[in-house]
Amino acid sequence: MTEQTRAPATPTAVGRPGDRQAAGPVIDERNRRLAHAGVARAENLLVKHYNLSSQRQAFDLLRDASQEFNIKLHTLADVAAQLPAPELDASGWMPSRPQGAAPPVPALRAVGARLDSPGAILTAALRRTLGVTGARMGNVQLVENGMLRMAKHVGVNRRFSDYFAFVEASTTSCAQAALDRRQVTVKDVASSGTFDDGSRQAILQTGSRACHSVPLLRPNGTVIGMISSHHGHPLRDLAPAQLTGLQELGIQVGRWLSWYRNTAVVTALNHLHTRAVGHS
């Protein structure tokens, strides 16, 4: 899907690609608030469901399970908040199920990395996307707490990574791709109607003039994440072979991430349930 552009506009206040300036105190405060919001949802759920004494006790249960099973705290909290709360007399958060082997990700074979963790999968997927699109900058976001949360990035500066640490609105190409569940190409960020002014300037100042976003899809077709490549010059349409390859990548990586949440993360939640029942 190619985003249509208006007449070219001259970008203003564009910083140098090497600029390490932070996005500012307002963005910092927003990021702290949103980072805490997802964990707080899970804390409130645990306190209410297990009749715990405090949010601190709930946080300790989440943190301990996160550390024991090597799962990011915000990922564990997000899955806990998304799944129905278990009965207190249940043996676990969800019924036991055969875990099975991780689904293959043949689109990443050429990367040549071990694909045994979410971090490794996302790093390899970003590297592969940049290879297909010929870009040197890019980022990966995951859907958490109803938003896109930055998970990986390469080549962009701090102002960019701070500004897009969380994406709530639909005024970016990644959010539009998530909404449409389709790839979105923005040929020229400076003239595109996709972005609001703040997003446009955050992209331009890092040295990006064009971008392409690829949704990571669960087996049911919903979006679990997004990979975006950023280019230092305006883009033409990607070739059909490129779009097909990226589509397959998005399907395969999305399927792997869904498997991980339904196996490793659920195992950690089952452990958390047992500990929480013991504290209630």
Protein backbone atom coordinates (compact mmCIF):
# COMPACT_ATOMS: atom_id res chain seq x y z
CA MET A 1 0.00 0.00 0.00
CA THR A 2 1.49 3.32 -1.04
CA GLU A 3 0.52 6.47 0.79
CA GLN A 4 -0.43 9.30 -1.58
CA THR A 5 1.47 12.55 -1.08
CA ARG A 6 0.60 16.20 -1.47
CA ALA A 7 2.73 18.68 -3.35
CA PRO A 8 6.31 18.67 -2.01
CA ALA A 9 6.88 20.76 1.06
CA THR A 10 10.16 22.13 2.32
CA PRO A 11 11.11 20.54 5.65
CA THR A 12 11.89 22.97 8.44
CA ALA A 13 13.96 22.66 11.61
CA VAL A 14 15.57 19.45 10.45
CA GLY A 15 18.43 18.38 12.68
CA ARG A 16 21.53 16.43 11.76
CA PRO A 17 21.31 12.61 11.62
CA GLY A 18 23.93 12.38 14.39
CA ASP A 19 21.99 14.60 16.78
CA ARG A 20 21.69 12.88 20.18
CA GLN A 21 19.31 15.43 21.68
CA ALA A 22 16.53 13.94 23.77
CA ALA A 23 12.92 14.60 22.83
CA GLY A 24 12.34 16.71 25.94
CA PRO A 25 10.80 16.58 29.43
CA VAL A 26 7.20 16.38 28.17
CA ILE A 27 7.99 13.27 26.13
CA ASP A 28 10.04 11.82 29.00
CA GLU A 29 7.09 12.22 31.36
CA ARG A 30 4.70 10.70 28.82
CA ASN A 31 7.00 7.69 28.38
CA ARG A 32 7.28 7.13 32.13
CA ARG A 33 3.50 7.35 32.50
CA LEU A 34 2.76 4.96 29.64
CA ALA A 35 5.48 2.51 30.67
CA HIS A 36 3.94 2.31 34.14
CA ALA A 37 0.33 2.12 32.90
CA GLY A 38 0.60 -1.41 31.49
CA VAL A 39 2.22 -2.82 34.63
CA ALA A 40 -0.28 -0.93 36.81
CA ARG A 41 -3.19 -2.61 34.97
CA ALA A 42 -1.78 -6.02 35.84
CA GLU A 43 -1.07 -4.97 39.43
CA ASN A 44 -4.66 -3.80 39.92
CA LEU A 45 -5.97 -7.03 38.44
CA LEU A 46 -3.85 -9.15 40.79
CA VAL A 47 -4.78 -7.11 43.87
CA LYS A 48 -8.49 -7.39 43.13
CA HIS A 49 -8.57 -10.99 41.94
CA TYR A 50 -6.32 -12.51 44.62
CA ASN A 51 -7.25 -10.09 47.39
CA LEU A 52 -3.63 -9.06 47.84
CA SER A 53 -2.64 -6.51 50.45
CA SER A 54 -1.10 -3.93 48.10
CA GLN A 55 0.04 -3.08 44.60
CA ARG A 56 3.60 -3.55 45.85
CA GLN A 57 2.84 -7.19 46.62
CA ALA A 58 1.36 -7.59 43.15
CA PHE A 59 4.42 -5.96 41.59
CA ASP A 60 6.73 -8.30 43.49
CA LEU A 61 4.83 -11.33 42.14
CA LEU A 62 5.08 -10.00 38.58
CA ARG A 63 8.75 -9.14 38.96
CA ASP A 64 9.67 -12.51 40.46
CA ALA A 65 7.90 -14.43 37.67
CA SER A 66 9.49 -12.15 35.09
CA GLN A 67 12.97 -12.79 36.42
CA GLU A 68 12.54 -16.52 36.98
CA PHE A 69 11.27 -17.17 33.45
CA ASN A 70 13.37 -14.48 31.74
CA ILE A 71 10.35 -12.63 30.34
CA LYS A 72 10.19 -8.86 30.17
CA LEU A 73 8.04 -7.44 32.94
CA HIS A 74 5.92 -5.31 30.61
CA THR A 75 5.27 -8.33 28.34
CA LEU A 76 4.16 -10.49 31.27
CA ALA A 77 1.94 -7.68 32.58
CA ASP A 78 0.35 -7.13 29.17
CA VAL A 79 -0.54 -10.80 28.69
CA ALA A 80 -1.90 -10.99 32.25
CA ALA A 81 -4.15 -8.01 31.56
CA GLN A 82 -5.35 -9.46 28.24
CA LEU A 83 -6.26 -12.97 29.39
CA PRO A 84 -9.32 -13.78 31.50
CA ALA A 85 -8.44 -14.07 35.20
CA PRO A 86 -8.37 -17.72 36.38
CA GLU A 87 -10.58 -19.30 39.01
CA LEU A 88 -8.82 -19.30 42.36
CA ASP A 89 -9.04 -23.10 42.60
CA ALA A 90 -7.65 -23.61 39.10
CA SER A 91 -4.30 -25.34 38.74
CA GLY A 92 -2.95 -22.47 36.66
CA TRP A 93 -3.80 -19.24 34.87
CA MET A 94 -4.71 -21.23 31.77
CA PRO A 95 -5.31 -24.98 31.34
CA SER A 96 -2.18 -26.98 30.61
CA ARG A 97 -1.56 -27.42 26.92
CA PRO A 98 1.17 -29.07 24.88
CA GLN A 99 3.71 -26.39 24.11
CA GLY A 100 4.99 -27.85 20.86
CA ALA A 101 8.00 -26.63 18.96
CA ALA A 102 8.43 -23.03 17.93
CA PRO A 103 7.00 -22.36 14.47
CA PRO A 104 9.67 -22.01 11.78
CA VAL A 105 10.68 -18.62 10.48
CA PRO A 106 12.24 -19.46 7.10
CA ALA A 107 12.30 -15.79 6.09
CA LEU A 108 15.09 -15.30 8.65
CA ARG A 109 17.33 -18.18 7.63
CA ALA A 110 19.56 -15.88 5.60
CA VAL A 111 20.29 -13.76 8.68
CA GLY A 112 22.25 -16.63 10.23
CA ALA A 113 21.44 -15.90 13.89
CA ARG A 114 20.08 -18.11 16.68
CA LEU A 115 16.35 -17.56 16.81
CA ASP A 116 15.58 -18.76 20.32
CA SER A 117 14.20 -15.66 22.04
CA PRO A 118 11.95 -12.71 21.24
CA GLY A 119 14.94 -10.39 21.25
CA ALA A 120 16.83 -12.54 18.75
CA ILE A 121 13.76 -12.90 16.52
CA LEU A 122 13.08 -9.16 16.47
CA THR A 123 16.72 -8.25 15.88
CA ALA A 124 16.95 -10.71 12.98
CA ALA A 125 13.61 -9.55 11.55
CA LEU A 126 14.70 -5.91 11.63
CA ARG A 127 18.02 -6.79 9.99
CA ARG A 128 16.21 -8.76 7.29
CA THR A 129 13.75 -5.93 6.64
CA LEU A 130 16.55 -3.42 6.22
CA GLY A 131 18.28 -5.80 3.85
CA VAL A 132 15.17 -6.19 1.70
CA THR A 133 14.38 -2.47 1.58
CA GLY A 134 17.98 -1.25 1.35
CA ALA A 135 17.65 0.98 4.42
CA ARG A 136 20.14 1.69 7.22
CA MET A 137 17.64 2.88 9.82
CA GLY A 138 14.64 1.09 11.27
CA ASN A 139 12.68 0.04 14.31
CA VAL A 140 10.42 -2.69 15.68
CA GLN A 141 7.33 -2.05 17.80
CA LEU A 142 5.08 -4.47 19.66
CA VAL A 143 1.42 -3.98 20.51
CA GLU A 144 1.04 -3.61 24.27
CA ASN A 145 -1.72 -2.02 26.31
CA GLY A 146 -3.47 -0.87 23.14
CA MET A 147 -0.39 0.98 21.80
CA LEU A 148 2.72 0.36 19.73
CA ARG A 149 5.73 0.17 22.04
CA MET A 150 9.29 0.48 20.73
CA ALA A 151 11.16 -2.81 21.11
CA LYS A 152 14.21 -2.46 18.83
CA HIS A 153 15.79 0.28 16.76
CA VAL A 154 18.93 0.84 14.72
CA GLY A 155 20.45 3.90 13.07
CA VAL A 156 18.04 6.47 14.56
CA ASN A 157 18.96 9.01 17.20
CA ARG A 158 17.69 9.44 20.73
CA ARG A 159 15.16 12.10 19.89
CA PHE A 160 13.50 9.70 17.46
CA SER A 161 13.53 6.71 19.83
CA ASP A 162 12.18 8.81 22.71
CA TYR A 163 9.45 10.40 20.61
CA PHE A 164 8.23 7.08 19.22
CA ALA A 165 8.78 5.01 22.38
CA PHE A 166 4.98 4.75 22.46
CA VAL A 167 2.61 5.43 19.57
CA GLU A 168 -1.01 5.99 20.55
CA ALA A 169 -2.47 8.03 17.66
CA SER A 170 -2.89 7.07 14.02
CA THR A 171 -0.76 9.98 12.75
CA THR A 172 2.22 7.80 11.76
CA SER A 173 2.82 5.27 9.00
CA CYS A 174 3.31 2.45 11.54
CA ALA A 175 -0.01 3.21 13.22
CA GLN A 176 -1.73 3.42 9.83
CA ALA A 177 -0.24 0.07 8.81
CA ALA A 178 -1.47 -1.44 12.09
CA LEU A 179 -4.94 -0.02 11.54
CA ASP A 180 -5.12 -1.28 7.94
CA ARG A 181 -3.24 -4.53 8.64
CA ARG A 182 -1.29 -3.86 5.45
CA GLN A 183 2.13 -2.61 4.44
CA VAL A 184 2.35 1.15 4.09
CA THR A 185 4.97 3.08 2.11
CA VAL A 186 5.48 6.78 2.67
CA LYS A 187 7.54 7.95 -0.30
CA ASP A 188 8.41 11.37 1.13
CA VAL A 189 7.89 12.16 4.80
CA ALA A 190 8.24 15.91 4.18
CA SER A 191 5.18 16.06 1.92
CA SER A 192 3.09 13.19 3.27
CA GLY A 193 -0.29 13.78 4.84
CA THR A 194 0.13 10.72 7.07
CA PHE A 195 1.98 12.49 9.89
CA ASP A 196 1.18 15.25 12.31
CA ASP A 197 3.83 17.96 12.58
CA GLY A 198 5.48 16.54 15.69
CA SER A 199 5.88 13.07 14.18
CA ARG A 200 7.09 14.50 10.87
CA GLN A 201 9.83 16.57 12.51
CA ALA A 202 10.92 13.71 14.77
CA ILE A 203 11.42 11.56 11.67
CA LEU A 204 13.07 14.21 9.50
CA GLN A 205 15.57 15.30 12.15
CA THR A 206 16.98 11.77 12.44
CA GLY A 207 17.80 11.80 8.73
CA SER A 208 14.82 9.83 7.41
CA ARG A 209 12.99 11.08 4.33
CA ALA A 210 10.87 7.99 3.60
CA CYS A 211 9.63 4.90 5.44
CA HIS A 212 8.00 1.55 4.92
CA SER A 213 6.01 -0.27 7.61
CA VAL A 214 5.30 -4.02 7.74
CA PRO A 215 2.70 -5.42 10.19
CA LEU A 216 3.52 -8.55 12.19
CA LEU A 217 0.34 -10.63 12.16
CA ARG A 218 -1.04 -13.20 14.56
CA PRO A 219 -2.57 -16.36 13.02
CA ASN A 220 -6.02 -14.75 13.38
CA GLY A 221 -4.89 -11.77 11.30
CA THR A 222 -4.64 -9.19 14.09
CA VAL A 223 -1.50 -7.12 14.54
CA ILE A 224 1.01 -8.06 17.24
CA GLY A 225 3.78 -5.72 16.11
CA MET A 226 5.32 -3.60 13.38
CA ILE A 227 8.66 -3.30 11.59
CA SER A 228 9.52 -0.03 9.85
CA SER A 229 12.48 0.82 7.65
CA HIS A 230 13.61 4.44 7.33
CA HIS A 231 15.39 5.77 4.28
CA GLY A 232 17.65 8.78 3.82
CA HIS A 233 16.04 9.73 0.52
CA PRO A 234 12.52 9.68 -0.97
CA LEU A 235 11.34 6.24 -2.12
CA ARG A 236 9.80 4.81 -5.22
CA ASP A 237 7.35 1.91 -4.96
CA LEU A 238 8.91 -1.28 -3.65
CA ALA A 239 9.04 -4.14 -6.13
CA PRO A 240 6.36 -6.86 -5.92
CA ALA A 241 9.00 -9.41 -4.86
CA GLN A 242 10.07 -7.13 -2.00
CA LEU A 243 6.49 -6.64 -0.82
CA THR A 244 5.78 -10.38 -1.00
CA GLY A 245 8.93 -11.22 0.94
CA LEU A 246 8.13 -8.67 3.64
CA GLN A 247 4.55 -9.90 3.89
CA GLU A 248 5.79 -13.45 4.49
CA LEU A 249 8.24 -12.13 7.06
CA GLY A 250 5.45 -10.33 8.91
CA ILE A 251 3.27 -13.45 8.97
CA GLN A 252 6.07 -15.75 10.15
CA VAL A 253 7.40 -13.44 12.86
CA GLY A 254 3.89 -12.66 14.08
CA ARG A 255 3.15 -16.37 14.32
CA TRP A 256 6.35 -16.95 16.33
CA LEU A 257 5.55 -14.12 18.75
CA SER A 258 2.02 -15.49 19.24
CA TRP A 259 3.46 -18.93 19.98
CA TYR A 260 5.83 -17.40 22.53
CA ARG A 261 3.03 -15.60 24.33
CA ASN A 262 0.87 -18.73 24.35
CA THR A 263 3.63 -20.95 25.73
CA ALA A 264 6.51 -19.31 27.61
CA VAL A 265 4.50 -16.35 28.91
CA VAL A 266 1.54 -18.52 29.90
CA THR A 267 3.91 -20.86 31.78
CA ALA A 268 5.15 -17.86 33.77
CA LEU A 269 1.55 -16.79 34.46
CA ASN A 270 0.68 -20.28 35.71
CA HIS A 271 3.58 -19.99 38.16
CA LEU A 272 2.44 -16.50 39.17
CA HIS A 273 -1.09 -17.82 39.78
CA THR A 274 0.20 -20.49 42.16
CA ARG A 275 2.25 -17.93 44.08
CA ALA A 276 -0.61 -15.43 44.21
CA VAL A 277 -3.08 -18.00 45.55
CA GLY A 278 -0.58 -18.75 48.30
CA HIS A 279 -0.56 -15.07 49.27
CA SER A 280 -4.31 -14.54 49.17
